[in-house]
Each structure stands twice: as structure tokens, then as C-alpha cells.
Protein backbone atom coordinates (compact mmCIF):
# COMPACT_ATOMS: atom_id res chain seq x y z
CA MET A 1 12.52 -25.52 -67.90
CA PRO A 2 9.37 -23.55 -68.81
CA LEU A 3 7.28 -24.43 -71.86
CA ALA A 4 7.39 -20.80 -73.03
CA SER A 5 7.53 -17.24 -71.74
CA SER A 6 5.67 -13.98 -72.39
CA ARG A 7 6.33 -10.33 -71.69
CA LEU A 8 3.71 -8.21 -69.93
CA THR A 9 2.82 -4.93 -71.69
CA ALA A 10 2.28 -1.61 -69.95
CA GLN A 11 -1.48 -2.20 -70.35
CA GLY A 12 -1.23 -5.52 -68.46
CA GLN A 13 -1.64 -7.70 -71.56
CA ILE A 14 0.31 -10.76 -72.65
CA SER A 15 0.52 -12.82 -75.81
CA VAL A 16 -0.01 -16.53 -75.39
CA PRO A 17 2.94 -18.26 -77.05
CA ALA A 18 2.21 -20.64 -79.94
CA LYS A 19 3.48 -23.68 -78.00
CA VAL A 20 1.05 -22.92 -75.15
CA ARG A 21 -1.88 -22.32 -77.55
CA GLN A 22 -1.14 -25.66 -79.23
CA LYS A 23 -0.82 -27.47 -75.89
CA LEU A 24 -4.16 -26.03 -74.67
CA GLY A 25 -5.86 -26.42 -78.05
CA VAL A 26 -7.00 -22.79 -78.12
CA GLY A 27 -7.28 -20.17 -80.83
CA PRO A 28 -8.86 -16.79 -81.50
CA GLY A 29 -11.94 -16.27 -79.35
CA SER A 30 -11.01 -18.97 -76.85
CA VAL A 31 -11.42 -18.17 -73.17
CA LEU A 32 -8.67 -18.97 -70.69
CA GLU A 33 -9.16 -19.36 -66.94
CA TRP A 34 -6.55 -18.21 -64.44
CA ASP A 35 -6.52 -19.93 -61.05
CA ALA A 36 -4.31 -19.54 -57.99
CA ASP A 37 -2.60 -22.69 -56.74
CA GLY A 38 -0.55 -21.70 -53.70
CA ASP A 39 2.28 -19.51 -54.97
CA ARG A 40 1.60 -20.50 -58.60
CA VAL A 41 -0.99 -19.40 -61.15
CA VAL A 42 -2.48 -22.06 -63.42
CA VAL A 43 -3.83 -21.15 -66.86
CA ARG A 44 -6.29 -23.52 -68.51
CA ARG A 45 -8.82 -23.61 -71.31
CA ALA A 46 -12.26 -22.64 -70.03
CA GLY A 47 -14.57 -25.25 -71.48
CA ARG A 48 -15.17 -26.08 -75.10
CA HIS A 49 -18.58 -24.50 -75.57
CA THR A 50 -18.91 -21.31 -77.56
CA SER A 51 -21.55 -18.76 -76.66
CA GLU A 52 -23.31 -19.65 -79.91
CA ALA A 53 -23.46 -23.34 -78.95
CA VAL A 54 -24.85 -22.48 -75.52
CA HIS A 55 -27.45 -20.17 -77.07
CA ARG A 56 -28.55 -22.90 -79.49
CA ALA A 57 -28.82 -25.42 -76.65
CA ILE A 58 -30.93 -23.10 -74.51
CA PHE A 59 -33.20 -21.80 -77.24
CA ALA A 60 -33.37 -24.89 -79.46
CA ARG A 61 -37.01 -25.60 -78.61
CA ARG A 62 -39.19 -22.92 -80.09
CA PRO A 63 -42.71 -22.63 -78.75
CA THR A 64 -45.46 -23.55 -81.14
CA PRO A 65 -47.38 -20.53 -82.39
CA LYS A 66 -50.63 -19.91 -80.52
CA THR A 67 -53.84 -18.44 -81.81
CA LEU A 68 -55.36 -15.38 -80.16
CA ALA A 69 -58.06 -17.58 -78.62
CA GLU A 70 -55.43 -19.93 -77.14
CA MET A 71 -53.52 -16.98 -75.67
CA ASP A 72 -56.72 -15.53 -74.17
CA ALA A 73 -57.57 -18.90 -72.64
CA GLY A 74 -54.05 -19.24 -71.19
CA ILE A 75 -54.19 -15.76 -69.67
CA GLY A 76 -57.59 -16.54 -68.18
CA ARG A 77 -56.28 -19.76 -66.60
CA ASP A 78 -53.30 -17.91 -65.14
CA ILE A 79 -55.51 -15.17 -63.67
CA LYS A 80 -57.78 -17.79 -62.05
CA ARG A 81 -54.77 -19.66 -60.67
CA ARG A 82 -53.30 -16.47 -59.17
CA ARG A 83 -56.61 -15.46 -57.59
CA ALA A 84 -57.05 -18.92 -56.10
CA ARG A 85 -53.74 -18.57 -54.25
CA GLY A 86 -54.47 -15.10 -52.86
């Protein structure tokens, strides 16, 4: 006996029944993954990380502000390094 059922709209959309949302632990904004498993399709929660959490993890370390002299020196070092390779 299925956990729940949904009806497909003319636009190809479905509503996820409350029992399924509770079982998956999902709510508004959650992403679901659909995967083929032979003649069945499996729906599962796609990870627990929000885009905001990923953004914070990637950009958490902010570079320390540089002075104009430090930037000029860094550019000079990069130019010398590039010329040395060529």
C-alpha cells in the first residue's frame, strides 16, 4: 500500500503530500532529487545544505585589506613570475 498519492497537473506539477514531506523532513524551499531505479522512480531529499549555508562556507574567509603599495608589489611579483615562465 503506497504511503500517499498525488495527481499530476496539466503543467506537469505535483504536490508532495504531507505524509511524504514529514517522512523526508522537507518544507518550503527544499530540493528533491528524482532518480531512476529500474522501472521505479525514487524521490529523496537532496542534501541538507541551503544555498546560503554553502555561500557562507565558501566566502567565510575575507581577504585582509591591502594598501596600494602592497597591491603594486603583488602585481609586480606576478608580472615577474609570468615573464620568467615565458
